[in-house]
Amino acid sequence: MNKNDKRKVIIVTDGDSCAQRSIEKAVLNIGGRCISQSGGNPTPLTGAEIVDLIKIAKYDPVVVMTDDEGNVNTGIGEKALRQIMNHPDIDVMGIIAVASNTKEVEGVHVDFSVDANGNIIHKAVDKDGNPGFNKVLYGDTVDVIDKNQKRPLVVGIGDVGKMNGHDDFRRGAPIITKALKEILSRSDINH
């Protein structure tokens, strides 16, 4: 299968009910398809099950959620994330790496972040969407990303749907929407 035939996917490393509402709103905003069944804290599906749902989605880009529920080890969400990233029929256009207060994680190096005010910054952010001091974002479902050979674009973001109300779905989920749009603008998808 050549790259043009692969399904175009964006992965968000969050899936609790608050995040899911904002992600669903943001995906509507960009005209994509959201695999709502991948939402949950932790992720209720395996990577293989999520891939099956991606393959039957009506059109691209397809947005899926993976969540470890604060597990500092390689949890359910990270295992699913790794399976999706390495699947031969999937082109992961980008990963939106979500910051958390989880301690003792390695973190992930972001290419850039969208802060709580919607600014593009070349550092990581914390759970509230405030700029950090370097490019390493700490979250519970991100440690496998840097270790993967097929590392896509990684965009850092605070806690989806929250960030002190800045990303509330009732406000149109502007922060997660911007992160999705930035991935699309940097990819070759005709959308």
N, C-alpha and C. Protein backbone atom coordinates (compact mmCIF):
# COMPACT_ATOMS: atom_id res chain seq x y z
N MET A 1 0.86 -1.17 0.00
CA MET A 1 0.00 0.00 0.00
C MET A 1 0.90 1.23 0.00
N ASN A 2 0.66 2.16 -0.97
CA ASN A 2 1.50 3.36 -0.96
C ASN A 2 0.93 4.40 0.00
N LYS A 3 1.75 5.41 0.28
CA LYS A 3 1.40 6.40 1.30
C LYS A 3 0.07 7.09 1.02
N ASN A 4 -0.27 7.29 -0.27
CA ASN A 4 -1.51 7.98 -0.61
C ASN A 4 -2.75 7.14 -0.29
N ASP A 5 -2.59 5.81 -0.22
CA ASP A 5 -3.73 4.94 0.07
C ASP A 5 -3.95 4.74 1.56
N LYS A 6 -2.98 5.11 2.36
CA LYS A 6 -3.11 4.92 3.80
C LYS A 6 -4.11 5.89 4.40
N ARG A 7 -4.77 5.46 5.46
CA ARG A 7 -5.70 6.35 6.16
C ARG A 7 -4.91 7.40 6.92
N LYS A 8 -5.35 8.65 6.86
CA LYS A 8 -4.69 9.78 7.51
C LYS A 8 -5.28 9.94 8.91
N VAL A 9 -4.41 9.82 9.92
CA VAL A 9 -4.87 9.76 11.30
C VAL A 9 -4.12 10.78 12.17
N ILE A 10 -4.85 11.36 13.10
CA ILE A 10 -4.26 12.19 14.15
C ILE A 10 -4.64 11.54 15.48
N ILE A 11 -3.65 11.36 16.34
CA ILE A 11 -3.88 10.74 17.64
C ILE A 11 -3.79 11.81 18.72
N VAL A 12 -4.76 11.80 19.65
CA VAL A 12 -4.75 12.70 20.81
C VAL A 12 -4.57 11.83 22.04
N THR A 13 -3.57 12.16 22.88
CA THR A 13 -3.26 11.30 24.04
C THR A 13 -4.09 11.69 25.27
N ASP A 14 -5.39 11.74 25.08
CA ASP A 14 -6.33 12.03 26.16
C ASP A 14 -7.67 11.45 25.75
N GLY A 15 -8.50 11.09 26.71
CA GLY A 15 -9.77 10.50 26.32
C GLY A 15 -10.85 10.53 27.38
N ASP A 16 -10.62 11.25 28.49
CA ASP A 16 -11.67 11.32 29.51
C ASP A 16 -12.88 12.05 28.93
N SER A 17 -14.00 12.03 29.64
CA SER A 17 -15.25 12.55 29.08
C SER A 17 -15.16 14.03 28.73
N CYS A 18 -14.48 14.82 29.53
CA CYS A 18 -14.34 16.25 29.24
C CYS A 18 -13.51 16.45 27.97
N ALA A 19 -12.39 15.75 27.88
CA ALA A 19 -11.54 15.84 26.69
C ALA A 19 -12.31 15.34 25.47
N GLN A 20 -13.04 14.25 25.61
CA GLN A 20 -13.75 13.69 24.47
C GLN A 20 -14.75 14.68 23.88
N ARG A 21 -15.49 15.39 24.73
CA ARG A 21 -16.45 16.38 24.20
C ARG A 21 -15.74 17.45 23.40
N SER A 22 -14.59 17.94 23.90
CA SER A 22 -13.86 18.97 23.18
C SER A 22 -13.23 18.43 21.89
N ILE A 23 -12.72 17.20 21.94
CA ILE A 23 -12.13 16.60 20.75
C ILE A 23 -13.20 16.41 19.68
N GLU A 24 -14.37 15.90 20.07
CA GLU A 24 -15.46 15.72 19.10
C GLU A 24 -15.86 17.04 18.47
N LYS A 25 -15.94 18.10 19.27
CA LYS A 25 -16.27 19.43 18.75
C LYS A 25 -15.19 19.91 17.79
N ALA A 26 -13.93 19.75 18.18
CA ALA A 26 -12.81 20.20 17.35
C ALA A 26 -12.77 19.46 16.01
N VAL A 27 -13.06 18.16 16.04
CA VAL A 27 -13.04 17.38 14.80
C VAL A 27 -14.17 17.85 13.88
N LEU A 28 -15.31 18.19 14.45
CA LEU A 28 -16.37 18.81 13.64
C LEU A 28 -15.89 20.12 13.03
N ASN A 29 -15.17 20.90 13.82
CA ASN A 29 -14.66 22.20 13.35
C ASN A 29 -13.74 22.06 12.14
N ILE A 30 -12.97 20.97 12.09
CA ILE A 30 -12.01 20.80 10.99
C ILE A 30 -12.56 19.93 9.86
N GLY A 31 -13.76 19.38 10.04
CA GLY A 31 -14.34 18.54 9.00
C GLY A 31 -13.76 17.15 8.92
N GLY A 32 -13.33 16.61 10.07
CA GLY A 32 -12.77 15.27 10.10
C GLY A 32 -13.76 14.26 10.64
N ARG A 33 -13.26 13.09 10.95
CA ARG A 33 -14.06 12.03 11.55
C ARG A 33 -13.41 11.66 12.89
N CYS A 34 -14.22 11.54 13.92
CA CYS A 34 -13.72 11.19 15.25
C CYS A 34 -14.18 9.77 15.58
N ILE A 35 -13.25 8.96 16.04
CA ILE A 35 -13.60 7.62 16.52
C ILE A 35 -13.93 7.76 18.00
N SER A 36 -15.21 8.08 18.28
CA SER A 36 -15.64 8.33 19.66
C SER A 36 -15.47 7.10 20.54
N GLN A 37 -15.57 5.91 19.96
CA GLN A 37 -15.42 4.68 20.75
C GLN A 37 -14.02 4.54 21.33
N SER A 38 -13.04 5.31 20.81
CA SER A 38 -11.69 5.24 21.37
C SER A 38 -11.56 6.10 22.62
N GLY A 39 -12.58 6.91 22.91
CA GLY A 39 -12.57 7.74 24.11
C GLY A 39 -12.78 6.89 25.34
N GLY A 40 -12.21 7.33 26.44
CA GLY A 40 -12.35 6.61 27.70
C GLY A 40 -11.12 6.83 28.53
N ASN A 41 -11.25 6.59 29.81
CA ASN A 41 -10.15 6.80 30.73
C ASN A 41 -10.06 5.58 31.65
N PRO A 42 -9.30 4.54 31.26
CA PRO A 42 -8.38 4.47 30.13
C PRO A 42 -9.08 4.11 28.83
N THR A 43 -8.30 4.09 27.75
CA THR A 43 -8.80 3.71 26.44
C THR A 43 -9.46 2.34 26.53
N PRO A 44 -10.72 2.21 26.06
CA PRO A 44 -11.43 0.93 26.19
C PRO A 44 -11.14 -0.07 25.09
N LEU A 45 -10.42 0.34 24.04
CA LEU A 45 -10.17 -0.53 22.89
C LEU A 45 -8.68 -0.80 22.72
N THR A 46 -8.36 -1.90 22.07
CA THR A 46 -6.96 -2.17 21.73
C THR A 46 -6.60 -1.35 20.49
N GLY A 47 -5.33 -1.27 20.21
CA GLY A 47 -4.89 -0.59 19.00
C GLY A 47 -5.47 -1.23 17.76
N ALA A 48 -5.53 -2.57 17.73
CA ALA A 48 -6.08 -3.29 16.58
C ALA A 48 -7.56 -2.95 16.38
N GLU A 49 -8.31 -2.87 17.47
CA GLU A 49 -9.73 -2.52 17.37
C GLU A 49 -9.90 -1.08 16.86
N ILE A 50 -9.04 -0.18 17.31
CA ILE A 50 -9.11 1.21 16.83
C ILE A 50 -8.76 1.27 15.35
N VAL A 51 -7.75 0.51 14.92
CA VAL A 51 -7.38 0.47 13.50
C VAL A 51 -8.56 -0.02 12.66
N ASP A 52 -9.27 -1.05 13.13
CA ASP A 52 -10.44 -1.54 12.39
C ASP A 52 -11.48 -0.44 12.21
N LEU A 53 -11.69 0.38 13.24
CA LEU A 53 -12.66 1.48 13.15
C LEU A 53 -12.15 2.59 12.23
N ILE A 54 -10.85 2.85 12.25
CA ILE A 54 -10.26 3.84 11.35
C ILE A 54 -10.51 3.44 9.90
N LYS A 55 -10.33 2.15 9.62
CA LYS A 55 -10.45 1.67 8.24
C LYS A 55 -11.86 1.82 7.68
N ILE A 56 -12.88 1.83 8.55
CA ILE A 56 -14.26 1.97 8.05
C ILE A 56 -14.79 3.40 8.20
N ALA A 57 -13.97 4.31 8.73
CA ALA A 57 -14.41 5.71 8.81
C ALA A 57 -14.66 6.23 7.40
N LYS A 58 -15.65 7.11 7.26
CA LYS A 58 -16.09 7.54 5.93
C LYS A 58 -15.05 8.36 5.19
N TYR A 59 -14.26 9.15 5.90
CA TYR A 59 -13.24 9.97 5.23
C TYR A 59 -12.18 10.41 6.23
N ASP A 60 -11.12 10.96 5.69
CA ASP A 60 -9.99 11.46 6.50
C ASP A 60 -10.13 12.96 6.71
N PRO A 61 -9.43 13.54 7.66
CA PRO A 61 -8.59 12.88 8.65
C PRO A 61 -9.44 12.22 9.74
N VAL A 62 -8.91 11.14 10.27
CA VAL A 62 -9.57 10.41 11.35
C VAL A 62 -8.82 10.73 12.64
N VAL A 63 -9.56 11.14 13.66
CA VAL A 63 -8.95 11.48 14.94
C VAL A 63 -9.35 10.42 15.97
N VAL A 64 -8.33 9.90 16.67
CA VAL A 64 -8.57 8.89 17.70
C VAL A 64 -7.95 9.34 19.02
N MET A 65 -8.45 8.75 20.10
CA MET A 65 -7.97 9.08 21.44
C MET A 65 -7.29 7.87 22.07
N THR A 66 -6.20 8.11 22.77
CA THR A 66 -5.55 7.06 23.57
C THR A 66 -5.27 7.66 24.94
N ASP A 67 -5.56 6.91 26.00
CA ASP A 67 -5.43 7.44 27.36
C ASP A 67 -4.98 6.34 28.30
N ASP A 68 -3.98 6.65 29.13
CA ASP A 68 -3.43 5.69 30.10
C ASP A 68 -4.02 5.83 31.49
N GLU A 69 -4.90 6.79 31.71
CA GLU A 69 -5.50 7.00 33.03
C GLU A 69 -4.45 7.21 34.12
N GLY A 70 -3.40 7.97 33.79
CA GLY A 70 -2.40 8.31 34.78
C GLY A 70 -1.38 7.22 35.06
N ASN A 71 -1.41 6.13 34.34
CA ASN A 71 -0.47 5.03 34.56
C ASN A 71 0.93 5.46 34.12
N VAL A 72 1.91 5.40 35.04
CA VAL A 72 3.28 5.82 34.69
C VAL A 72 4.00 4.75 33.88
N ASN A 73 3.51 3.51 33.91
CA ASN A 73 4.10 2.45 33.09
C ASN A 73 3.50 2.51 31.69
N THR A 74 3.90 1.60 30.83
CA THR A 74 3.30 1.53 29.49
C THR A 74 1.91 0.94 29.65
N GLY A 75 0.92 1.81 29.67
CA GLY A 75 -0.45 1.39 29.93
C GLY A 75 -1.21 1.08 28.65
N ILE A 76 -2.51 0.89 28.81
CA ILE A 76 -3.40 0.53 27.70
C ILE A 76 -3.34 1.55 26.57
N GLY A 77 -3.38 2.83 26.93
CA GLY A 77 -3.37 3.88 25.91
C GLY A 77 -2.08 3.91 25.11
N GLU A 78 -0.95 3.75 25.79
CA GLU A 78 0.35 3.75 25.08
C GLU A 78 0.50 2.52 24.20
N LYS A 79 0.00 1.39 24.65
CA LYS A 79 0.07 0.18 23.81
C LYS A 79 -0.75 0.38 22.54
N ALA A 80 -1.95 0.96 22.68
CA ALA A 80 -2.79 1.24 21.51
C ALA A 80 -2.11 2.26 20.60
N LEU A 81 -1.53 3.29 21.20
CA LEU A 81 -0.82 4.33 20.44
C LEU A 81 0.29 3.71 19.60
N ARG A 82 1.08 2.85 20.20
CA ARG A 82 2.19 2.20 19.49
C ARG A 82 1.67 1.34 18.34
N GLN A 83 0.59 0.59 18.58
CA GLN A 83 0.03 -0.26 17.53
C GLN A 83 -0.46 0.57 16.34
N ILE A 84 -1.12 1.69 16.62
CA ILE A 84 -1.64 2.55 15.55
C ILE A 84 -0.47 3.17 14.78
N MET A 85 0.53 3.68 15.50
CA MET A 85 1.68 4.32 14.85
C MET A 85 2.41 3.36 13.90
N ASN A 86 2.47 2.08 14.26
CA ASN A 86 3.24 1.11 13.50
C ASN A 86 2.42 0.30 12.50
N HIS A 87 1.13 0.60 12.37
CA HIS A 87 0.30 -0.19 11.46
C HIS A 87 0.59 0.21 10.02
N PRO A 88 0.80 -0.77 9.13
CA PRO A 88 1.18 -0.46 7.75
C PRO A 88 0.12 0.28 6.94
N ASP A 89 -1.14 0.23 7.34
CA ASP A 89 -2.20 0.89 6.58
C ASP A 89 -2.54 2.28 7.10
N ILE A 90 -1.81 2.74 8.12
CA ILE A 90 -2.11 4.01 8.78
C ILE A 90 -0.97 5.00 8.57
N ASP A 91 -1.32 6.21 8.20
CA ASP A 91 -0.36 7.32 8.12
C ASP A 91 -0.70 8.28 9.26
N VAL A 92 0.07 8.21 10.34
CA VAL A 92 -0.16 9.12 11.47
C VAL A 92 0.43 10.48 11.09
N MET A 93 -0.44 11.42 10.80
CA MET A 93 -0.03 12.76 10.40
C MET A 93 0.57 13.54 11.56
N GLY A 94 0.08 13.26 12.75
CA GLY A 94 0.57 13.95 13.92
C GLY A 94 -0.03 13.38 15.19
N ILE A 95 0.63 13.68 16.29
CA ILE A 95 0.14 13.30 17.61
C ILE A 95 0.02 14.56 18.43
N ILE A 96 -1.14 14.74 19.05
CA ILE A 96 -1.31 15.83 20.00
C ILE A 96 -1.03 15.25 21.38
N ALA A 97 0.14 15.62 21.91
CA ALA A 97 0.61 15.10 23.19
C ALA A 97 0.06 15.98 24.31
N VAL A 98 -0.70 15.37 25.20
CA VAL A 98 -1.41 16.10 26.25
C VAL A 98 -0.63 16.03 27.56
N ALA A 99 -0.38 17.19 28.14
CA ALA A 99 0.35 17.27 29.40
C ALA A 99 -0.54 16.84 30.57
N SER A 100 0.09 16.26 31.58
CA SER A 100 -0.62 15.90 32.81
C SER A 100 0.31 16.14 33.98
N ASN A 101 -0.21 15.95 35.17
CA ASN A 101 0.61 16.11 36.37
C ASN A 101 1.24 14.79 36.80
N THR A 102 1.23 13.80 35.93
CA THR A 102 1.79 12.49 36.25
C THR A 102 3.29 12.63 36.51
N LYS A 103 3.73 12.10 37.62
CA LYS A 103 5.15 12.15 37.98
C LYS A 103 5.87 10.91 37.46
N GLU A 104 7.18 11.00 37.39
CA GLU A 104 8.05 9.87 37.04
C GLU A 104 7.80 9.33 35.64
N VAL A 105 7.52 10.22 34.70
CA VAL A 105 7.43 9.81 33.30
C VAL A 105 8.60 10.44 32.54
N GLU A 106 8.97 9.85 31.41
CA GLU A 106 10.07 10.38 30.61
C GLU A 106 9.64 11.60 29.81
N GLY A 107 8.41 11.60 29.35
CA GLY A 107 7.92 12.70 28.54
C GLY A 107 8.24 12.52 27.07
N VAL A 108 7.90 13.53 26.27
CA VAL A 108 8.11 13.50 24.83
C VAL A 108 8.61 14.87 24.38
N HIS A 109 9.51 14.87 23.40
CA HIS A 109 9.98 16.12 22.83
C HIS A 109 8.95 16.60 21.81
N VAL A 110 8.42 17.80 22.01
CA VAL A 110 7.42 18.33 21.08
C VAL A 110 8.10 19.13 19.97
N ASP A 111 7.45 19.16 18.82
CA ASP A 111 7.94 20.01 17.74
C ASP A 111 7.54 21.46 18.02
N PHE A 112 6.36 21.64 18.59
CA PHE A 112 5.88 22.93 19.09
C PHE A 112 4.66 22.64 19.93
N SER A 113 4.13 23.67 20.59
CA SER A 113 2.92 23.51 21.40
C SER A 113 1.94 24.62 21.08
N VAL A 114 0.68 24.38 21.47
CA VAL A 114 -0.34 25.42 21.45
C VAL A 114 -0.65 25.69 22.91
N ASP A 115 -0.39 26.93 23.36
CA ASP A 115 -0.63 27.23 24.78
C ASP A 115 -2.11 27.53 25.03
N ALA A 116 -2.46 27.79 26.28
CA ALA A 116 -3.85 28.00 26.67
C ALA A 116 -4.47 29.23 26.03
N ASN A 117 -3.65 30.14 25.52
CA ASN A 117 -4.16 31.33 24.84
C ASN A 117 -4.20 31.17 23.33
N GLY A 118 -3.86 29.97 22.85
CA GLY A 118 -3.90 29.71 21.42
C GLY A 118 -2.66 30.12 20.67
N ASN A 119 -1.58 30.43 21.39
CA ASN A 119 -0.33 30.81 20.75
C ASN A 119 0.50 29.58 20.40
N ILE A 120 1.19 29.64 19.26
CA ILE A 120 2.15 28.59 18.91
C ILE A 120 3.46 28.96 19.59
N ILE A 121 3.98 28.03 20.39
CA ILE A 121 5.25 28.28 21.08
C ILE A 121 6.20 27.12 20.81
N HIS A 122 7.47 27.38 20.87
CA HIS A 122 8.46 26.34 20.56
C HIS A 122 9.04 25.73 21.83
N LYS A 123 8.14 25.50 22.78
CA LYS A 123 8.45 24.82 24.03
C LYS A 123 7.28 23.91 24.35
N ALA A 124 7.44 23.10 25.38
CA ALA A 124 6.33 22.29 25.87
C ALA A 124 5.41 23.17 26.73
N VAL A 125 4.27 22.63 27.09
CA VAL A 125 3.35 23.30 28.01
C VAL A 125 3.05 22.36 29.17
N ASP A 126 2.48 22.93 30.23
CA ASP A 126 2.05 22.09 31.35
C ASP A 126 0.56 21.78 31.21
N LYS A 127 0.00 21.12 32.21
CA LYS A 127 -1.41 20.69 32.17
C LYS A 127 -2.37 21.86 31.96
N ASP A 128 -2.02 23.04 32.48
CA ASP A 128 -2.88 24.21 32.32
C ASP A 128 -2.63 24.96 31.02
N GLY A 129 -1.70 24.46 30.20
CA GLY A 129 -1.41 25.12 28.93
C GLY A 129 -0.43 26.26 29.05
N ASN A 130 0.27 26.35 30.18
CA ASN A 130 1.29 27.39 30.36
C ASN A 130 2.62 26.91 29.79
N PRO A 131 3.40 27.83 29.19
CA PRO A 131 4.69 27.43 28.61
C PRO A 131 5.63 26.84 29.65
N GLY A 132 6.35 25.80 29.25
CA GLY A 132 7.36 25.21 30.10
C GLY A 132 8.71 25.86 29.84
N PHE A 133 9.77 25.18 30.26
CA PHE A 133 11.12 25.74 30.12
C PHE A 133 11.90 25.11 28.98
N ASN A 134 11.43 23.96 28.47
CA ASN A 134 12.13 23.30 27.38
C ASN A 134 11.12 22.61 26.48
N LYS A 135 11.59 21.71 25.63
CA LYS A 135 10.70 21.07 24.66
C LYS A 135 10.14 19.72 25.13
N VAL A 136 10.38 19.36 26.39
CA VAL A 136 9.88 18.07 26.89
C VAL A 136 8.54 18.28 27.59
N LEU A 137 7.53 17.58 27.07
CA LEU A 137 6.19 17.62 27.65
C LEU A 137 6.00 16.35 28.47
N TYR A 138 5.47 16.51 29.69
CA TYR A 138 5.27 15.37 30.58
C TYR A 138 3.79 15.02 30.62
N GLY A 139 3.49 13.78 30.24
CA GLY A 139 2.12 13.29 30.25
C GLY A 139 2.13 11.80 30.49
N ASP A 140 0.97 11.24 30.80
CA ASP A 140 0.91 9.82 31.15
C ASP A 140 0.83 8.90 29.93
N THR A 141 0.59 9.45 28.75
CA THR A 141 0.40 8.58 27.58
C THR A 141 1.34 8.99 26.44
N VAL A 142 2.54 9.44 26.77
CA VAL A 142 3.43 9.98 25.73
C VAL A 142 4.81 9.33 25.67
N ASP A 143 5.18 8.52 26.65
CA ASP A 143 6.55 8.01 26.73
C ASP A 143 6.97 7.16 25.53
N VAL A 144 6.05 6.48 24.86
CA VAL A 144 6.43 5.60 23.75
C VAL A 144 6.70 6.38 22.45
N ILE A 145 6.33 7.64 22.38
CA ILE A 145 6.40 8.37 21.11
C ILE A 145 7.84 8.56 20.65
N ASP A 146 8.71 9.10 21.50
CA ASP A 146 10.10 9.35 21.11
C ASP A 146 10.85 8.06 20.80
N LYS A 147 10.42 6.94 21.38
CA LYS A 147 11.10 5.66 21.19
C LYS A 147 10.73 4.99 19.87
N ASN A 148 9.70 5.50 19.21
CA ASN A 148 9.20 4.86 18.00
C ASN A 148 9.99 5.30 16.78
N GLN A 149 10.31 4.37 15.90
CA GLN A 149 11.05 4.71 14.68
C GLN A 149 10.23 5.61 13.76
N LYS A 150 8.92 5.40 13.72
CA LYS A 150 8.05 6.20 12.86
C LYS A 150 7.44 7.34 13.68
N ARG A 151 8.28 8.30 14.05
CA ARG A 151 7.82 9.40 14.90
C ARG A 151 7.23 10.51 14.03
N PRO A 152 5.94 10.78 14.18
CA PRO A 152 5.33 11.85 13.39
C PRO A 152 5.52 13.22 14.07
N LEU A 153 4.90 14.23 13.51
CA LEU A 153 4.86 15.56 14.11
C LEU A 153 4.20 15.45 15.48
N VAL A 154 4.80 16.09 16.50
CA VAL A 154 4.24 16.03 17.85
C VAL A 154 3.94 17.45 18.32
N VAL A 155 2.66 17.69 18.63
CA VAL A 155 2.20 19.00 19.08
C VAL A 155 1.80 18.90 20.54
N GLY A 156 2.38 19.73 21.39
CA GLY A 156 2.05 19.73 22.81
C GLY A 156 0.81 20.57 23.08
N ILE A 157 0.06 20.17 24.10
CA ILE A 157 -1.15 20.90 24.49
C ILE A 157 -1.42 20.62 25.97
N GLY A 158 -2.12 21.53 26.62
CA GLY A 158 -2.53 21.31 28.01
C GLY A 158 -3.68 20.32 28.06
N ASP A 159 -4.33 20.23 29.21
CA ASP A 159 -5.40 19.26 29.42
C ASP A 159 -6.61 19.61 28.54
N VAL A 160 -6.87 18.77 27.56
CA VAL A 160 -7.90 19.04 26.54
C VAL A 160 -9.27 19.21 27.20
N GLY A 161 -9.96 20.26 26.77
CA GLY A 161 -11.29 20.54 27.29
C GLY A 161 -11.28 21.34 28.58
N LYS A 162 -10.09 21.54 29.13
CA LYS A 162 -10.00 22.23 30.41
C LYS A 162 -9.15 23.50 30.26
N MET A 163 -7.92 23.48 30.77
CA MET A 163 -7.05 24.66 30.74
C MET A 163 -7.77 25.89 31.27
N ASN A 164 -8.36 25.73 32.44
CA ASN A 164 -9.09 26.81 33.10
C ASN A 164 -10.19 27.41 32.21
N GLY A 165 -10.87 26.54 31.48
CA GLY A 165 -11.99 26.95 30.64
C GLY A 165 -11.61 27.41 29.24
N HIS A 166 -10.32 27.56 28.97
CA HIS A 166 -9.90 28.07 27.65
C HIS A 166 -10.27 27.13 26.51
N ASP A 167 -10.39 25.82 26.80
CA ASP A 167 -10.65 24.84 25.73
C ASP A 167 -12.01 24.18 25.88
N ASP A 168 -12.91 24.80 26.62
CA ASP A 168 -14.23 24.24 26.86
C ASP A 168 -14.97 24.01 25.54
N PHE A 169 -15.62 22.86 25.42
CA PHE A 169 -16.35 22.56 24.17
C PHE A 169 -17.46 23.57 23.92
N ARG A 170 -18.00 24.17 25.00
CA ARG A 170 -19.06 25.18 24.82
C ARG A 170 -18.51 26.48 24.23
N ARG A 171 -17.21 26.65 24.29
CA ARG A 171 -16.54 27.78 23.64
C ARG A 171 -16.06 27.41 22.24
N GLY A 172 -16.35 26.18 21.83
CA GLY A 172 -15.91 25.72 20.51
C GLY A 172 -14.60 24.98 20.53
N ALA A 173 -14.10 24.64 21.73
CA ALA A 173 -12.84 23.88 21.88
C ALA A 173 -11.72 24.50 21.03
N PRO A 174 -11.43 25.79 21.24
CA PRO A 174 -10.50 26.48 20.35
C PRO A 174 -9.05 26.01 20.40
N ILE A 175 -8.58 25.52 21.53
CA ILE A 175 -7.17 25.15 21.64
C ILE A 175 -6.91 23.83 20.92
N ILE A 176 -7.71 22.81 21.18
CA ILE A 176 -7.54 21.54 20.48
C ILE A 176 -7.84 21.71 18.99
N THR A 177 -8.79 22.57 18.65
CA THR A 177 -9.07 22.84 17.24
C THR A 177 -7.84 23.42 16.55
N LYS A 178 -7.18 24.37 17.21
CA LYS A 178 -5.99 24.97 16.61
C LYS A 178 -4.88 23.94 16.44
N ALA A 179 -4.70 23.07 17.43
CA ALA A 179 -3.67 22.03 17.33
C ALA A 179 -3.94 21.11 16.14
N LEU A 180 -5.20 20.71 15.95
CA LEU A 180 -5.55 19.87 14.81
C LEU A 180 -5.29 20.60 13.49
N LYS A 181 -5.69 21.87 13.42
CA LYS A 181 -5.48 22.66 12.20
C LYS A 181 -4.00 22.81 11.87
N GLU A 182 -3.17 22.96 12.89
CA GLU A 182 -1.73 23.10 12.67
C GLU A 182 -1.15 21.82 12.07
N ILE A 183 -1.62 20.66 12.54
CA ILE A 183 -1.16 19.40 11.96
C ILE A 183 -1.59 19.31 10.51
N LEU A 184 -2.84 19.64 10.23
CA LEU A 184 -3.34 19.57 8.85
C LEU A 184 -2.57 20.52 7.94
N SER A 185 -2.27 21.71 8.43
CA SER A 185 -1.58 22.70 7.58
C SER A 185 -0.16 22.28 7.27
N ARG A 186 0.42 21.43 8.10
CA ARG A 186 1.80 20.97 7.88
C ARG A 186 1.86 19.62 7.17
N SER A 187 0.72 19.07 6.83
CA SER A 187 0.69 17.76 6.18
C SER A 187 0.30 17.93 4.71
N ASP A 188 0.30 16.81 4.00
CA ASP A 188 -0.02 16.89 2.58
C ASP A 188 -1.46 16.47 2.29
N ILE A 189 -2.30 16.44 3.33
CA ILE A 189 -3.70 16.06 3.10
C ILE A 189 -4.42 17.20 2.40
N ASN A 190 -5.21 16.87 1.43
CA ASN A 190 -5.99 17.89 0.71
C ASN A 190 -7.30 18.07 1.42
N HIS A 191 -7.30 18.95 2.42
CA HIS A 191 -8.50 19.12 3.21
C HIS A 191 -8.74 20.59 3.43
